[in-house]
Amino acid sequence: MHIQMKSLNDDTVKVSMVSTYSGKCNTMELPIRPMEFHRLVSHWKNTGEYVQDVFPMLDEDQREFLISGVTPDEWKECFPE
């Protein structure tokens, strides 16, 4: 898992990851402070805790993006109703 992060402002980061579904580099904005994001990603990688426990402030789609790089639109494509 390779996560690239860019700070957009004091409260938002722009994260880019390669999707495990499509192989494309996807980007998502997350409502989290840049320093907190760095700290939590490091903690998550080093402890193996569940993403929902480390990032409770993010919604389900945002947490799935951190796990797999898959966007909500890709999930709809992959698993149509």
PDB file of N, CA and C in Angstrom:
ATOM      1  N   MET A   1       0.848  -1.172   0.000  1.00  0.00           N
ATOM      2  CA  MET A   1       0.000   0.000   0.000  1.00  0.00           C
ATOM      3  C   MET A   1       0.896   1.239   0.000  1.00  0.00           C
ATOM      4  N   HIS A   2       0.747   2.047  -1.011  1.00  0.00           N
ATOM      5  CA  HIS A   2       1.508   3.285  -1.092  1.00  0.00           C
ATOM      6  C   HIS A   2       0.518   4.452  -1.119  1.00  0.00           C
ATOM      7  N   ILE A   3       0.594   5.284  -0.111  1.00  0.00           N
ATOM      8  CA  ILE A   3      -0.313   6.416   0.019  1.00  0.00           C
ATOM      9  C   ILE A   3       0.468   7.697  -0.209  1.00  0.00           C
ATOM     10  N   GLN A   4      -0.016   8.521  -1.137  1.00  0.00           N
ATOM     11  CA  GLN A   4       0.552   9.849  -1.341  1.00  0.00           C
ATOM     12  C   GLN A   4      -0.437  10.862  -0.796  1.00  0.00           C
ATOM     13  N   MET A   5       0.060  11.830  -0.035  1.00  0.00           N
ATOM     14  CA  MET A   5      -0.802  12.811   0.602  1.00  0.00           C
ATOM     15  C   MET A   5      -0.309  14.208   0.302  1.00  0.00           C
ATOM     16  N   LYS A   6      -1.269  15.082   0.020  1.00  0.00           N
ATOM     17  CA  LYS A   6      -0.984  16.498  -0.178  1.00  0.00           C
ATOM     18  C   LYS A   6      -1.921  17.286   0.729  1.00  0.00           C
ATOM     19  N   SER A   7      -1.369  18.238   1.449  1.00  0.00           N
ATOM     20  CA  SER A   7      -2.182  19.080   2.316  1.00  0.00           C
ATOM     21  C   SER A   7      -2.899  20.127   1.467  1.00  0.00           C
ATOM     22  N   LEU A   8      -4.214  20.197   1.592  1.00  0.00           N
ATOM     23  CA  LEU A   8      -4.987  21.215   0.876  1.00  0.00           C
ATOM     24  C   LEU A   8      -5.182  22.455   1.734  1.00  0.00           C
ATOM     25  N   ASN A   9      -5.369  22.238   3.022  1.00  0.00           N
ATOM     26  CA  ASN A   9      -5.486  23.329   3.991  1.00  0.00           C
ATOM     27  C   ASN A   9      -5.280  22.717   5.374  1.00  0.00           C
ATOM     28  N   ASP A  10      -5.579  23.465   6.424  1.00  0.00           N
ATOM     29  CA  ASP A  10      -5.337  22.971   7.782  1.00  0.00           C
ATOM     30  C   ASP A  10      -6.216  21.776   8.170  1.00  0.00           C
ATOM     31  N   ASP A  11      -7.324  21.573   7.464  1.00  0.00           N
ATOM     32  CA  ASP A  11      -8.290  20.541   7.865  1.00  0.00           C
ATOM     33  C   ASP A  11      -8.556  19.477   6.809  1.00  0.00           C
ATOM     34  N   THR A  12      -7.861  19.526   5.682  1.00  0.00           N
ATOM     35  CA  THR A  12      -8.165  18.610   4.583  1.00  0.00           C
ATOM     36  C   THR A  12      -6.886  18.141   3.898  1.00  0.00           C
ATOM     37  N   VAL A  13      -6.854  16.851   3.583  1.00  0.00           N
ATOM     38  CA  VAL A  13      -5.750  16.300   2.800  1.00  0.00           C
ATOM     39  C   VAL A  13      -6.304  15.692   1.519  1.00  0.00           C
ATOM     40  N   LYS A  14      -5.469  15.663   0.509  1.00  0.00           N
ATOM     41  CA  LYS A  14      -5.792  15.017  -0.755  1.00  0.00           C
ATOM     42  C   LYS A  14      -4.904  13.774  -0.831  1.00  0.00           C
ATOM     43  N   VAL A  15      -5.529  12.607  -0.887  1.00  0.00           N
ATOM     44  CA  VAL A  15      -4.805  11.343  -0.854  1.00  0.00           C
ATOM     45  C   VAL A  15      -4.921  10.658  -2.208  1.00  0.00           C
ATOM     46  N   SER A  16      -3.803  10.141  -2.694  1.00  0.00           N
ATOM     47  CA  SER A  16      -3.774   9.400  -3.954  1.00  0.00           C
ATOM     48  C   SER A  16      -3.256   7.994  -3.697  1.00  0.00           C
ATOM     49  N   MET A  17      -3.937   7.039  -4.316  1.00  0.00           N
ATOM     50  CA  MET A  17      -3.567   5.622  -4.191  1.00  0.00           C
ATOM     51  C   MET A  17      -3.917   4.900  -5.481  1.00  0.00           C
ATOM     52  N   VAL A  18      -3.230   3.794  -5.722  1.00  0.00           N
ATOM     53  CA  VAL A  18      -3.555   2.946  -6.859  1.00  0.00           C
ATOM     54  C   VAL A  18      -4.669   1.989  -6.440  1.00  0.00           C
ATOM     55  N   SER A  19      -5.701   1.941  -7.234  1.00  0.00           N
ATOM     56  CA  SER A  19      -6.853   1.085  -6.970  1.00  0.00           C
ATOM     57  C   SER A  19      -6.496  -0.383  -7.177  1.00  0.00           C
ATOM     58  N   THR A  20      -6.859  -1.216  -6.212  1.00  0.00           N
ATOM     59  CA  THR A  20      -6.657  -2.651  -6.361  1.00  0.00           C
ATOM     60  C   THR A  20      -7.647  -3.246  -7.368  1.00  0.00           C
ATOM     61  N   TYR A  21      -8.689  -2.498  -7.696  1.00  0.00           N
ATOM     62  CA  TYR A  21      -9.687  -2.958  -8.665  1.00  0.00           C
ATOM     63  C   TYR A  21      -9.276  -2.624 -10.090  1.00  0.00           C
ATOM     64  N   SER A  22      -8.968  -1.349 -10.347  1.00  0.00           N
ATOM     65  CA  SER A  22      -8.728  -0.904 -11.720  1.00  0.00           C
ATOM     66  C   SER A  22      -7.260  -0.693 -12.059  1.00  0.00           C
ATOM     67  N   GLY A  23      -6.414  -0.562 -11.048  1.00  0.00           N
ATOM     68  CA  GLY A  23      -5.007  -0.257 -11.301  1.00  0.00           C
ATOM     69  C   GLY A  23      -4.754   1.220 -11.576  1.00  0.00           C
ATOM     70  N   LYS A  24      -5.827   2.015 -11.546  1.00  0.00           N
ATOM     71  CA  LYS A  24      -5.701   3.457 -11.770  1.00  0.00           C
ATOM     72  C   LYS A  24      -5.295   4.147 -10.479  1.00  0.00           C
ATOM     73  N   CYS A  25      -4.628   5.289 -10.649  1.00  0.00           N
ATOM     74  CA  CYS A  25      -4.320   6.123  -9.492  1.00  0.00           C
ATOM     75  C   CYS A  25      -5.540   6.993  -9.220  1.00  0.00           C
ATOM     76  N   ASN A  26      -6.167   6.788  -8.072  1.00  0.00           N
ATOM     77  CA  ASN A  26      -7.353   7.550  -7.684  1.00  0.00           C
ATOM     78  C   ASN A  26      -7.001   8.543  -6.583  1.00  0.00           C
ATOM     79  N   THR A  27      -7.791   9.580  -6.492  1.00  0.00           N
ATOM     80  CA  THR A  27      -7.577  10.627  -5.498  1.00  0.00           C
ATOM     81  C   THR A  27      -8.876  10.900  -4.765  1.00  0.00           C
ATOM     82  N   MET A  28      -8.731  11.155  -3.469  1.00  0.00           N
ATOM     83  CA  MET A  28      -9.892  11.493  -2.653  1.00  0.00           C
ATOM     84  C   MET A  28      -9.468  12.534  -1.614  1.00  0.00           C
ATOM     85  N   GLU A  29     -10.330  13.504  -1.383  1.00  0.00           N
ATOM     86  CA  GLU A  29     -10.098  14.481  -0.324  1.00  0.00           C
ATOM     87  C   GLU A  29     -10.687  13.941   0.966  1.00  0.00           C
ATOM     88  N   LEU A  30      -9.903  14.045   2.039  1.00  0.00           N
ATOM     89  CA  LEU A  30     -10.346  13.546   3.331  1.00  0.00           C
ATOM     90  C   LEU A  30     -10.347  14.667   4.360  1.00  0.00           C
ATOM     91  N   PRO A  31     -11.390  14.740   5.180  1.00  0.00           N
ATOM     92  CA  PRO A  31     -11.513  15.811   6.169  1.00  0.00           C
ATOM     93  C   PRO A  31     -10.717  15.497   7.444  1.00  0.00           C
ATOM     94  N   ILE A  32      -9.405  15.641   7.335  1.00  0.00           N
ATOM     95  CA  ILE A  32      -8.538  15.351   8.465  1.00  0.00           C
ATOM     96  C   ILE A  32      -7.304  16.255   8.375  1.00  0.00           C
ATOM     97  N   ARG A  33      -6.814  16.675   9.505  1.00  0.00           N
ATOM     98  CA  ARG A  33      -5.638  17.544   9.542  1.00  0.00           C
ATOM     99  C   ARG A  33      -4.411  16.771   9.039  1.00  0.00           C
ATOM    100  N   PRO A  34      -3.553  17.410   8.260  1.00  0.00           N
ATOM    101  CA  PRO A  34      -2.392  16.719   7.686  1.00  0.00           C
ATOM    102  C   PRO A  34      -1.511  16.009   8.715  1.00  0.00           C
ATOM    103  N   MET A  35      -1.175  16.662   9.811  1.00  0.00           N
ATOM    104  CA  MET A  35      -0.309  16.025  10.808  1.00  0.00           C
ATOM    105  C   MET A  35      -1.003  14.834  11.472  1.00  0.00           C
ATOM    106  N   GLU A  36      -2.301  14.966  11.697  1.00  0.00           N
ATOM    107  CA  GLU A  36      -3.060  13.862  12.284  1.00  0.00           C
ATOM    108  C   GLU A  36      -3.104  12.684  11.310  1.00  0.00           C
ATOM    109  N   PHE A  37      -3.275  12.995  10.031  1.00  0.00           N
ATOM    110  CA  PHE A  37      -3.300  11.939   9.022  1.00  0.00           C
ATOM    111  C   PHE A  37      -1.982  11.162   9.023  1.00  0.00           C
ATOM    112  N   HIS A  38      -0.857  11.874   8.996  1.00  0.00           N
ATOM    113  CA  HIS A  38       0.456  11.210   9.023  1.00  0.00           C
ATOM    114  C   HIS A  38       0.592  10.316  10.255  1.00  0.00           C
ATOM    115  N   ARG A  39       0.219  10.847  11.398  1.00  0.00           N
ATOM    116  CA  ARG A  39       0.339  10.110  12.656  1.00  0.00           C
ATOM    117  C   ARG A  39      -0.518   8.851  12.637  1.00  0.00           C
ATOM    118  N   LEU A  40      -1.760   8.985  12.188  1.00  0.00           N
ATOM    119  CA  LEU A  40      -2.682   7.858  12.195  1.00  0.00           C
ATOM    120  C   LEU A  40      -2.309   6.798  11.158  1.00  0.00           C
ATOM    121  N   VAL A  41      -1.851   7.208   9.981  1.00  0.00           N
ATOM    122  CA  VAL A  41      -1.422   6.237   8.974  1.00  0.00           C
ATOM    123  C   VAL A  41      -0.245   5.432   9.505  1.00  0.00           C
ATOM    124  N   SER A  42       0.702   6.121  10.122  1.00  0.00           N
ATOM    125  CA  SER A  42       1.853   5.425  10.696  1.00  0.00           C
ATOM    126  C   SER A  42       1.408   4.433  11.769  1.00  0.00           C
ATOM    127  N   HIS A  43       0.517   4.863  12.627  1.00  0.00           N
ATOM    128  CA  HIS A  43      -0.009   3.987  13.678  1.00  0.00           C
ATOM    129  C   HIS A  43      -0.712   2.779  13.071  1.00  0.00           C
ATOM    130  N   TRP A  44      -1.543   3.023  12.087  1.00  0.00           N
ATOM    131  CA  TRP A  44      -2.316   1.967  11.427  1.00  0.00           C
ATOM    132  C   TRP A  44      -1.388   0.931  10.787  1.00  0.00           C
ATOM    133  N   LYS A  45      -0.376   1.408  10.061  1.00  0.00           N
ATOM    134  CA  LYS A  45       0.560   0.499   9.396  1.00  0.00           C
ATOM    135  C   LYS A  45       1.364  -0.318  10.407  1.00  0.00           C
ATOM    136  N   ASN A  46       1.719   0.290  11.522  1.00  0.00           N
ATOM    137  CA  ASN A  46       2.587  -0.376  12.491  1.00  0.00           C
ATOM    138  C   ASN A  46       1.852  -1.292  13.460  1.00  0.00           C
ATOM    139  N   THR A  47       0.560  -1.078  13.651  1.00  0.00           N
ATOM    140  CA  THR A  47      -0.167  -1.891  14.636  1.00  0.00           C
ATOM    141  C   THR A  47      -1.089  -2.922  14.007  1.00  0.00           C
ATOM    142  N   GLY A  48      -1.526  -2.667  12.775  1.00  0.00           N
ATOM    143  CA  GLY A  48      -2.466  -3.578  12.141  1.00  0.00           C
ATOM    144  C   GLY A  48      -3.881  -3.471  12.682  1.00  0.00           C
ATOM    145  N   GLU A  49      -4.154  -2.397  13.420  1.00  0.00           N
ATOM    146  CA  GLU A  49      -5.518  -2.196  13.930  1.00  0.00           C
ATOM    147  C   GLU A  49      -6.479  -2.006  12.758  1.00  0.00           C
ATOM    148  N   TYR A  50      -7.745  -2.217  13.033  1.00  0.00           N
ATOM    149  CA  TYR A  50      -8.768  -2.015  12.011  1.00  0.00           C
ATOM    150  C   TYR A  50      -8.852  -0.543  11.631  1.00  0.00           C
ATOM    151  N   VAL A  51      -9.048  -0.311  10.332  1.00  0.00           N
ATOM    152  CA  VAL A  51      -9.090   1.062   9.829  1.00  0.00           C
ATOM    153  C   VAL A  51     -10.210   1.857  10.502  1.00  0.00           C
ATOM    154  N   GLN A  52     -11.339   1.221  10.816  1.00  0.00           N
ATOM    155  CA  GLN A  52     -12.449   1.939  11.440  1.00  0.00           C
ATOM    156  C   GLN A  52     -12.120   2.361  12.872  1.00  0.00           C
ATOM    157  N   ASP A  53     -11.194   1.642  13.511  1.00  0.00           N
ATOM    158  CA  ASP A  53     -10.789   2.018  14.865  1.00  0.00           C
ATOM    159  C   ASP A  53      -9.771   3.160  14.854  1.00  0.00           C
ATOM    160  N   VAL A  54      -8.940   3.193  13.829  1.00  0.00           N
ATOM    161  CA  VAL A  54      -7.910   4.234  13.734  1.00  0.00           C
ATOM    162  C   VAL A  54      -8.475   5.519  13.134  1.00  0.00           C
ATOM    163  N   PHE A  55      -9.414   5.395  12.208  1.00  0.00           N
ATOM    164  CA  PHE A  55      -9.987   6.548  11.513  1.00  0.00           C
ATOM    165  C   PHE A  55     -11.508   6.627  11.713  1.00  0.00           C
ATOM    166  N   PRO A  56     -11.988   6.732  12.953  1.00  0.00           N
ATOM    167  CA  PRO A  56     -13.441   6.775  13.162  1.00  0.00           C
ATOM    168  C   PRO A  56     -14.085   8.039  12.600  1.00  0.00           C
ATOM    169  N   MET A  57     -13.274   9.068  12.350  1.00  0.00           N
ATOM    170  CA  MET A  57     -13.822  10.323  11.827  1.00  0.00           C
ATOM    171  C   MET A  57     -14.120  10.266  10.327  1.00  0.00           C
ATOM    172  N   LEU A  58     -13.667   9.212   9.655  1.00  0.00           N
ATOM    173  CA  LEU A  58     -13.914   9.061   8.222  1.00  0.00           C
ATOM    174  C   LEU A  58     -15.117   8.153   8.003  1.00  0.00           C
ATOM    175  N   ASP A  59     -15.799   8.363   6.885  1.00  0.00           N
ATOM    176  CA  ASP A  59     -16.947   7.504   6.594  1.00  0.00           C
ATOM    177  C   ASP A  59     -16.482   6.197   5.947  1.00  0.00           C
ATOM    178  N   GLU A  60     -17.412   5.299   5.725  1.00  0.00           N
ATOM    179  CA  GLU A  60     -17.112   3.961   5.199  1.00  0.00           C
ATOM    180  C   GLU A  60     -16.388   4.009   3.853  1.00  0.00           C
ATOM    181  N   ASP A  61     -16.836   4.884   2.945  1.00  0.00           N
ATOM    182  CA  ASP A  61     -16.203   4.999   1.625  1.00  0.00           C
ATOM    183  C   ASP A  61     -14.772   5.522   1.746  1.00  0.00           C
ATOM    184  N   GLN A  62     -14.562   6.474   2.624  1.00  0.00           N
ATOM    185  CA  GLN A  62     -13.232   7.036   2.806  1.00  0.00           C
ATOM    186  C   GLN A  62     -12.276   6.008   3.408  1.00  0.00           C
ATOM    187  N   ARG A  63     -12.766   5.225   4.350  1.00  0.00           N
ATOM    188  CA  ARG A  63     -11.917   4.190   4.949  1.00  0.00           C
ATOM    189  C   ARG A  63     -11.599   3.088   3.941  1.00  0.00           C
ATOM    190  N   GLU A  64     -12.580   2.696   3.135  1.00  0.00           N
ATOM    191  CA  GLU A  64     -12.324   1.689   2.105  1.00  0.00           C
ATOM    192  C   GLU A  64     -11.282   2.200   1.113  1.00  0.00           C
ATOM    193  N   PHE A  65     -11.344   3.474   0.795  1.00  0.00           N
ATOM    194  CA  PHE A  65     -10.353   4.057  -0.101  1.00  0.00           C
ATOM    195  C   PHE A  65      -8.946   3.904   0.481  1.00  0.00           C
ATOM    196  N   LEU A  66      -8.786   4.135   1.779  1.00  0.00           N
ATOM    197  CA  LEU A  66      -7.472   3.979   2.411  1.00  0.00           C
ATOM    198  C   LEU A  66      -6.989   2.529   2.377  1.00  0.00           C
ATOM    199  N   ILE A  67      -7.899   1.597   2.429  1.00  0.00           N
ATOM    200  CA  ILE A  67      -7.537   0.185   2.401  1.00  0.00           C
ATOM    201  C   ILE A  67      -7.151  -0.262   0.991  1.00  0.00           C
ATOM    202  N   SER A  68      -7.959   0.114   0.017  1.00  0.00           N
ATOM    203  CA  SER A  68      -7.834  -0.478  -1.322  1.00  0.00           C
ATOM    204  C   SER A  68      -7.583   0.503  -2.461  1.00  0.00           C
ATOM    205  N   GLY A  69      -7.760   1.798  -2.216  1.00  0.00           N
ATOM    206  CA  GLY A  69      -7.639   2.770  -3.301  1.00  0.00           C
ATOM    207  C   GLY A  69      -8.851   2.780  -4.220  1.00  0.00           C
ATOM    208  N   VAL A  70      -9.876   2.029  -3.848  1.00  0.00           N
ATOM    209  CA  VAL A  70     -11.087   1.924  -4.669  1.00  0.00           C
ATOM    210  C   VAL A  70     -12.061   3.035  -4.281  1.00  0.00           C
ATOM    211  N   THR A  71     -12.574   3.735  -5.287  1.00  0.00           N
ATOM    212  CA  THR A  71     -13.529   4.816  -5.066  1.00  0.00           C
ATOM    213  C   THR A  71     -14.955   4.257  -5.038  1.00  0.00           C
ATOM    214  N   PRO A  72     -15.906   5.038  -4.525  1.00  0.00           N
ATOM    215  CA  PRO A  72     -17.307   4.587  -4.539  1.00  0.00           C
ATOM    216  C   PRO A  72     -17.800   4.262  -5.952  1.00  0.00           C
ATOM    217  N   ASP A  73     -17.395   5.041  -6.950  1.00  0.00           N
ATOM    218  CA  ASP A  73     -17.822   4.751  -8.329  1.00  0.00           C
ATOM    219  C   ASP A  73     -17.276   3.414  -8.822  1.00  0.00           C
ATOM    220  N   GLU A  74     -16.035   3.100  -8.454  1.00  0.00           N
ATOM    221  CA  GLU A  74     -15.471   1.804  -8.844  1.00  0.00           C
ATOM    222  C   GLU A  74     -16.206   0.655  -8.170  1.00  0.00           C
ATOM    223  N   TRP A  75     -16.604   0.840  -6.893  1.00  0.00           N
ATOM    224  CA  TRP A  75     -17.366  -0.205  -6.211  1.00  0.00           C
ATOM    225  C   TRP A  75     -18.675  -0.475  -6.932  1.00  0.00           C
ATOM    226  N   LYS A  76     -19.336   0.590  -7.381  1.00  0.00           N
ATOM    227  CA  LYS A  76     -20.595   0.422  -8.115  1.00  0.00           C
ATOM    228  C   LYS A  76     -20.360  -0.330  -9.418  1.00  0.00           C
ATOM    229  N   GLU A  77     -19.234  -0.040 -10.070  1.00  0.00           N
ATOM    230  CA  GLU A  77     -18.888  -0.722 -11.311  1.00  0.00           C
ATOM    231  C   GLU A  77     -18.557  -2.198 -11.060  1.00  0.00           C
ATOM    232  N   CYS A  78     -17.828  -2.439  -9.998  1.00  0.00           N
ATOM    233  CA  CYS A  78     -17.389  -3.787  -9.654  1.00  0.00           C
ATOM    234  C   CYS A  78     -18.539  -4.655  -9.147  1.00  0.00           C
ATOM    235  N   PHE A  79     -19.419  -4.039  -8.358  1.00  0.00           N
ATOM    236  CA  PHE A  79     -20.538  -4.770  -7.757  1.00  0.00           C
ATOM    237  C   PHE A  79     -21.858  -4.077  -8.077  1.00  0.00           C
ATOM    238  N   PRO A  80     -22.283  -4.169  -9.350  1.00  0.00           N
ATOM    239  CA  PRO A  80     -23.559  -3.522  -9.702  1.00  0.00           C
ATOM    240  C   PRO A  80     -24.717  -4.196  -8.971  1.00  0.00           C
ATOM    241  N   GLU A  81     -25.738  -3.411  -8.731  1.00  0.00           N
ATOM    242  CA  GLU A  81     -26.885  -3.941  -7.990  1.00  0.00           C
ATOM    243  C   GLU A  81     -27.716  -4.870  -8.847  1.00  0.00           C
TER     244      GLU A  81
END
